[in-house]
Every structure is written in C-alpha cells, then in structure tokens.
C-alpha atoms as a PDB file:
ATOM      1  CA  MET A   1       0.000   0.000   0.000  1.00  0.00           C
ATOM      2  CA  ALA A   2       2.822   2.408   0.842  1.00  0.00           C
ATOM      3  CA  LEU A   3       4.490   1.629  -2.478  1.00  0.00           C
ATOM      4  CA  ARG A   4       1.250   2.468  -4.301  1.00  0.00           C
ATOM      5  CA  CYS A   5       1.070   5.863  -2.546  1.00  0.00           C
ATOM      6  CA  VAL A   6       4.684   6.625  -3.455  1.00  0.00           C
ATOM      7  CA  LEU A   7       4.050   5.674  -7.091  1.00  0.00           C
ATOM      8  CA  LEU A   8       0.925   7.843  -7.282  1.00  0.00           C
ATOM      9  CA  ALA A   9       2.724  10.799  -5.692  1.00  0.00           C
ATOM     10  CA  THR A  10       5.577  10.423  -8.177  1.00  0.00           C
ATOM     11  CA  LEU A  11       3.137  10.263 -11.079  1.00  0.00           C
ATOM     12  CA  PHE A  12       1.377  13.457  -9.982  1.00  0.00           C
ATOM     13  CA  CYS A  13       4.725  15.243  -9.738  1.00  0.00           C
ATOM     14  CA  LEU A  14       5.647  14.239 -13.291  1.00  0.00           C
ATOM     15  CA  VAL A  15       2.389  15.424 -14.846  1.00  0.00           C
ATOM     16  CA  ALA A  16       2.481  19.155 -15.580  1.00  0.00           C
ATOM     17  CA  PRO A  17      -0.617  20.958 -14.314  1.00  0.00           C
ATOM     18  CA  ALA A  18      -2.839  22.555 -16.948  1.00  0.00           C
ATOM     19  CA  GLY A  19      -2.648  26.319 -16.953  1.00  0.00           C
ATOM     20  CA  ALA A  20      -0.326  29.053 -18.144  1.00  0.00           C
ATOM     21  CA  GLY A  21       2.641  26.644 -18.118  1.00  0.00           C
ATOM     22  CA  ASP A  22       1.138  24.534 -20.886  1.00  0.00           C
ATOM     23  CA  LEU A  23       1.449  27.552 -23.216  1.00  0.00           C
ATOM     24  CA  ASP A  24       5.230  27.799 -22.779  1.00  0.00           C
ATOM     25  CA  ALA A  25       5.796  25.560 -25.820  1.00  0.00           C
ATOM     26  CA  PHE A  26       3.772  27.873 -28.083  1.00  0.00           C
ATOM     27  CA  PRO A  27       5.272  31.064 -29.553  1.00  0.00           C
ATOM     28  CA  ALA A  28       3.912  34.328 -28.120  1.00  0.00           C
ATOM     29  CA  THR A  29       3.222  35.622 -31.651  1.00  0.00           C
ATOM     30  CA  VAL A  30       3.419  34.186 -35.157  1.00  0.00           C
ATOM     31  CA  GLU A  31       3.924  36.444 -38.185  1.00  0.00           C
ATOM     32  CA  GLY A  32       2.861  39.421 -36.054  1.00  0.00           C
ATOM     33  CA  LYS A  33      -0.483  37.806 -35.188  1.00  0.00           C
ATOM     34  CA  GLN A  34      -2.001  37.669 -31.704  1.00  0.00           C
ATOM     35  CA  ARG A  35      -2.265  34.403 -29.774  1.00  0.00           C
ATOM     36  CA  GLN A  36      -5.788  33.390 -28.735  1.00  0.00           C
ATOM     37  CA  VAL A  37      -6.311  30.429 -26.411  1.00  0.00           C
ATOM     38  CA  ILE A  38      -9.414  28.262 -25.995  1.00  0.00           C
ATOM     39  CA  ARG A  39      -9.609  25.767 -23.140  1.00  0.00           C
ATOM     40  CA  LEU A  40     -12.254  23.122 -23.691  1.00  0.00           C
ATOM     41  CA  PRO A  41     -13.888  21.192 -20.838  1.00  0.00           C
ATOM     42  CA  GLN A  42     -13.466  17.429 -20.543  1.00  0.00           C
ATOM     43  CA  VAL A  43     -16.344  15.503 -22.116  1.00  0.00           C
ATOM     44  CA  ALA A  44     -17.137  11.849 -22.646  1.00  0.00           C
ATOM     45  CA  ASN A  45     -16.614  10.617 -26.226  1.00  0.00           C
ATOM     46  CA  GLU A  46     -14.674  13.559 -27.660  1.00  0.00           C
ATOM     47  CA  ASN A  47     -15.026  12.013 -31.115  1.00  0.00           C
ATOM     48  CA  ARG A  48     -18.682  13.157 -31.095  1.00  0.00           C
ATOM     49  CA  PHE A  49     -17.652  16.822 -30.784  1.00  0.00           C
ATOM     50  CA  MET A  50     -16.163  19.453 -33.098  1.00  0.00           C
ATOM     51  CA  VAL A  51     -15.086  23.041 -32.460  1.00  0.00           C
ATOM     52  CA  GLU A  52     -16.096  25.729 -34.942  1.00  0.00           C
ATOM     53  CA  LEU A  53     -13.881  28.788 -34.927  1.00  0.00           C
ATOM     54  CA  VAL A  54     -15.803  31.991 -35.632  1.00  0.00           C
ATOM     55  CA  PRO A  55     -13.353  34.820 -36.284  1.00  0.00           C
ATOM     56  CA  GLY A  56     -14.618  38.245 -37.223  1.00  0.00           C
ATOM     57  CA  ARG A  57     -14.771  41.867 -36.230  1.00  0.00           C
ATOM     58  CA  MET A  58     -17.314  44.458 -35.181  1.00  0.00           C
ATOM     59  CA  GLU A  59     -18.204  46.814 -38.018  1.00  0.00           C
ATOM     60  CA  LEU A  60     -20.717  49.517 -38.756  1.00  0.00           C
ATOM     61  CA  VAL A  61     -22.861  47.927 -41.467  1.00  0.00           C
ATOM     62  CA  ASP A  62     -25.952  48.749 -43.479  1.00  0.00           C
ATOM     63  CA  CYS A  63     -28.776  46.388 -44.464  1.00  0.00           C
ATOM     64  CA  ASN A  64     -26.613  44.394 -46.916  1.00  0.00           C
ATOM     65  CA  ARG A  65     -25.152  41.060 -45.927  1.00  0.00           C
ATOM     66  CA  ARG A  66     -21.388  40.879 -45.853  1.00  0.00           C
ATOM     67  CA  SER A  67     -18.678  38.506 -44.756  1.00  0.00           C
ATOM     68  CA  TYR A  68     -15.001  37.795 -45.107  1.00  0.00           C
ATOM     69  CA  HIS A  69     -13.095  34.685 -46.041  1.00  0.00           C
ATOM     70  CA  ALA A  70     -10.095  33.440 -44.123  1.00  0.00           C
ATOM     71  CA  GLN A  71      -8.181  30.210 -44.249  1.00  0.00           C
ATOM     72  CA  ILE A  72      -6.605  28.494 -41.330  1.00  0.00           C
ATOM     73  CA  GLU A  73      -3.230  26.784 -41.499  1.00  0.00           C
ATOM     74  CA  ARG A  74      -2.373  23.934 -39.184  1.00  0.00           C
ATOM     75  CA  LYS A  75       1.178  24.014 -37.800  1.00  0.00           C
ATOM     76  CA  THR A  76       3.173  22.002 -35.287  1.00  0.00           C
ATOM     77  CA  VAL A  77       5.415  23.250 -32.477  1.00  0.00           C
ATOM     78  CA  GLU A  78       8.875  21.921 -33.315  1.00  0.00           C
ATOM     79  CA  GLY A  79      10.135  19.439 -30.761  1.00  0.00           C
ATOM     80  CA  TRP A  80       6.802  19.200 -28.956  1.00  0.00           C
ATOM     81  CA  GLY A  81       4.385  17.931 -31.574  1.00  0.00           C
ATOM     82  CA  TYR A  82       1.615  20.259 -30.334  1.00  0.00           C
ATOM     83  CA  THR A  83      -0.748  21.619 -32.976  1.00  0.00           C
ATOM     84  CA  TYR A  84      -1.587  25.287 -33.346  1.00  0.00           C
ATOM     85  CA  TYR A  85      -3.439  27.227 -36.017  1.00  0.00           C
ATOM     86  CA  VAL A  86      -2.691  30.440 -37.919  1.00  0.00           C
ATOM     87  CA  LEU A  87      -5.575  32.392 -39.434  1.00  0.00           C
ATOM     88  CA  SER A  88      -4.882  34.178 -42.721  1.00  0.00           C
ATOM     89  CA  ASP A  89      -5.630  37.842 -43.229  1.00  0.00           C
ATOM     90  CA  PRO A  90      -9.299  38.430 -44.088  1.00  0.00           C
ATOM     91  CA  VAL A  91     -10.398  38.820 -47.695  1.00  0.00           C
ATOM     92  CA  ALA A  92     -13.707  40.549 -48.422  1.00  0.00           C
ATOM     93  CA  GLY A  93     -16.365  38.081 -49.505  1.00  0.00           C
ATOM     94  CA  ALA A  94     -19.470  38.568 -51.568  1.00  0.00           C
ATOM     95  CA  THR A  95     -21.974  41.125 -50.414  1.00  0.00           C
ATOM     96  CA  THR A  96     -25.496  41.968 -51.422  1.00  0.00           C
ATOM     97  CA  LEU A  97     -25.912  45.307 -53.150  1.00  0.00           C
ATOM     98  CA  LYS A  98     -29.537  46.064 -52.373  1.00  0.00           C
ATOM     99  CA  ALA A  99     -30.764  49.528 -51.588  1.00  0.00           C
ATOM    100  CA  CYS A 100     -31.553  50.006 -47.921  1.00  0.00           C
ATOM    101  CA  PRO A 101     -34.993  51.344 -46.938  1.00  0.00           C
ATOM    102  CA  PRO A 102     -35.263  55.112 -46.475  1.00  0.00           C
ATOM    103  CA  GLY A 103     -34.179  56.161 -43.000  1.00  0.00           C
ATOM    104  CA  TYR A 104     -32.255  52.938 -42.360  1.00  0.00           C
ATOM    105  CA  LYS A 105     -29.530  53.508 -39.793  1.00  0.00           C
ATOM    106  CA  LYS A 106     -26.280  51.607 -39.839  1.00  0.00           C
ATOM    107  CA  LYS A 107     -25.686  49.231 -36.924  1.00  0.00           C
ATOM    108  CA  ARG A 108     -22.625  47.769 -35.249  1.00  0.00           C
ATOM    109  CA  ARG A 109     -22.559  44.037 -35.946  1.00  0.00           C
ATOM    110  CA  PHE A 110     -20.110  41.162 -35.707  1.00  0.00           C
ATOM    111  CA  VAL A 111     -19.085  40.343 -39.286  1.00  0.00           C
ATOM    112  CA  ARG A 112     -17.667  36.855 -39.381  1.00  0.00           C
ATOM    113  CA  MET A 113     -15.081  35.161 -41.517  1.00  0.00           C
ATOM    114  CA  ARG A 114     -16.118  31.985 -43.244  1.00  0.00           C
ATOM    115  CA  ASP A 115     -14.278  28.913 -44.466  1.00  0.00           C
ATOM    116  CA  GLU A 116     -14.883  25.179 -44.320  1.00  0.00           C
ATOM    117  CA  SER A 117     -11.544  24.614 -42.625  1.00  0.00           C
ATOM    118  CA  LEU A 118     -12.666  26.431 -39.468  1.00  0.00           C
ATOM    119  CA  MET A 119     -14.154  23.196 -38.035  1.00  0.00           C
ATOM    120  CA  LEU A 120     -11.555  21.525 -35.809  1.00  0.00           C
ATOM    121  CA  PRO A 121     -11.445  18.301 -33.802  1.00  0.00           C
ATOM    122  CA  TYR A 122     -12.317  18.521 -30.106  1.00  0.00           C
ATOM    123  CA  ASN A 123      -9.403  17.937 -27.714  1.00  0.00           C
ATOM    124  CA  ALA A 124      -9.716  18.944 -24.069  1.00  0.00           C
ATOM    125  CA  ASP A 125      -6.239  17.669 -23.154  1.00  0.00           C
ATOM    126  CA  LEU A 126      -4.400  20.626 -24.702  1.00  0.00           C
ATOM    127  CA  PRO A 127      -5.332  24.267 -25.194  1.00  0.00           C
ATOM    128  CA  LEU A 128      -6.571  25.198 -28.648  1.00  0.00           C
ATOM    129  CA  VAL A 129      -4.097  27.890 -29.745  1.00  0.00           C
ATOM    130  CA  VAL A 130      -4.974  30.143 -32.683  1.00  0.00           C
ATOM    131  CA  TYR A 131      -3.007  33.110 -33.998  1.00  0.00           C
ATOM    132  CA  VAL A 132      -5.234  35.808 -35.509  1.00  0.00           C
ATOM    133  CA  PRO A 133      -4.496  39.098 -37.313  1.00  0.00           C
ATOM    134  CA  ALA A 134      -4.725  42.316 -35.304  1.00  0.00           C
ATOM    135  CA  GLY A 135      -8.265  43.647 -34.982  1.00  0.00           C
ATOM    136  CA  ILE A 136      -9.870  40.210 -35.340  1.00  0.00           C
ATOM    137  CA  GLU A 137     -11.943  38.710 -32.527  1.00  0.00           C
ATOM    138  CA  LEU A 138     -12.092  34.951 -32.130  1.00  0.00           C
ATOM    139  CA  LYS A 139     -15.308  33.327 -30.986  1.00  0.00           C
ATOM    140  CA  TYR A 140     -16.123  29.642 -31.074  1.00  0.00           C
ATOM    141  CA  ARG A 141     -18.893  27.150 -30.605  1.00  0.00           C
ATOM    142  CA  VAL A 142     -18.953  23.449 -29.900  1.00  0.00           C
ATOM    143  CA  TRP A 143     -20.904  21.057 -32.142  1.00  0.00           C
ATOM    144  CA  ARG A 144     -22.117  17.703 -30.889  1.00  0.00           C
ATOM    145  CA  ALA A 145     -23.199  14.733 -32.948  1.00  0.00           C
ATOM    146  CA  ASP A 146     -26.218  12.731 -31.903  1.00  0.00           C
ATOM    147  CA  LYS A 147     -25.580   9.307 -30.355  1.00  0.00           C
ATOM    148  CA  ASN A 148     -28.083   7.673 -32.654  1.00  0.00           C
ATOM    149  CA  PHE A 149     -27.465   6.927 -36.300  1.00  0.00           C
ATOM    150  CA  SER A 150     -30.176   7.184 -38.918  1.00  0.00           C
ATOM    151  CA  GLU A 151     -30.415   4.716 -41.719  1.00  0.00           C
ATOM    152  CA  ALA A 152     -30.439   5.656 -45.387  1.00  0.00           C
ATOM    153  CA  ARG A 153     -33.029   3.953 -47.508  1.00  0.00           C
ATOM    154  CA  THR A 154     -32.710   2.595 -51.002  1.00  0.00           C
ATOM    155  CA  ARG A 155     -35.442   3.767 -53.330  1.00  0.00           C
END
C-alpha cells in the first residue's frame, strides 16, 4: 500500500498541471499575429464533438449582408508535436448590393469570416491555440453529434 502511494505521488509530480505553463511551448506571436487560447472542458466521447472557430470583427454595417473569407493553417510546435493554427488575413467576400430602406440607420454588428476549414477536432487535453491578425476577434462554438445513427433507404 505504501508503495502504491509513493508511485501515485511520483506520477502526480511528473504530470504538468494545466494552466499558463502549458502555453510555454507555443510562440507568443506568429507572423505578427495575436495568440488566442481556448480551453475546452473534458467531455465523454470527444469524437462526437467538433469546435467551430468563428473569427470576425465588429463593423458599422448597413442592411446588406457581408462577410469575409479566411483560411486556417495547421502548424506544429517543433520538438513538442503540439498543434496550433494560424488564421490568414481576411479577404472581403461577396456582399449583397440592395438599396436600404429610407431612414435605415447603420448598426454595429459582428461580421464573421467563413471557411470550411474552421471546423476543428475537439481535444480537451491541450489548449486550442490560434493566432489571428490584429483587430480580429475569435469566438467559437462546440458542435455535438447525436448518439443515434439514422439509416439511409434505397429507393
């Protein structure tokens, strides 16, 4: 029993606590971009979850829809094997060009960046580190798949 306690105490000493220290392996900035960190809670069956990154910025906009496109590049911390992501600079996307109703007042709204590559695997063991251009906010949401499968039918 005493040996078991010693082994457990040794194991806890070897495991680095999660927190600011787990960011030491990651660069403070990449290509002049700001580091954003997301810490995900532990969940059962992580393979049922995905994280959607929602970068964007607050802008004064009219009644037309607008968005930006940005790609995300997956990189690895040399010597550590940890994954981090670098968001490209935003490129203006398509916008509607309709005339706004008379008296329409512009509003401040979060204009998001879109790209299919912004869906990432869920991993609560390490922080999700993303480097974003200056002036860009990073929001996120977690997607969960249903436990049940539906069957396709042949017709």
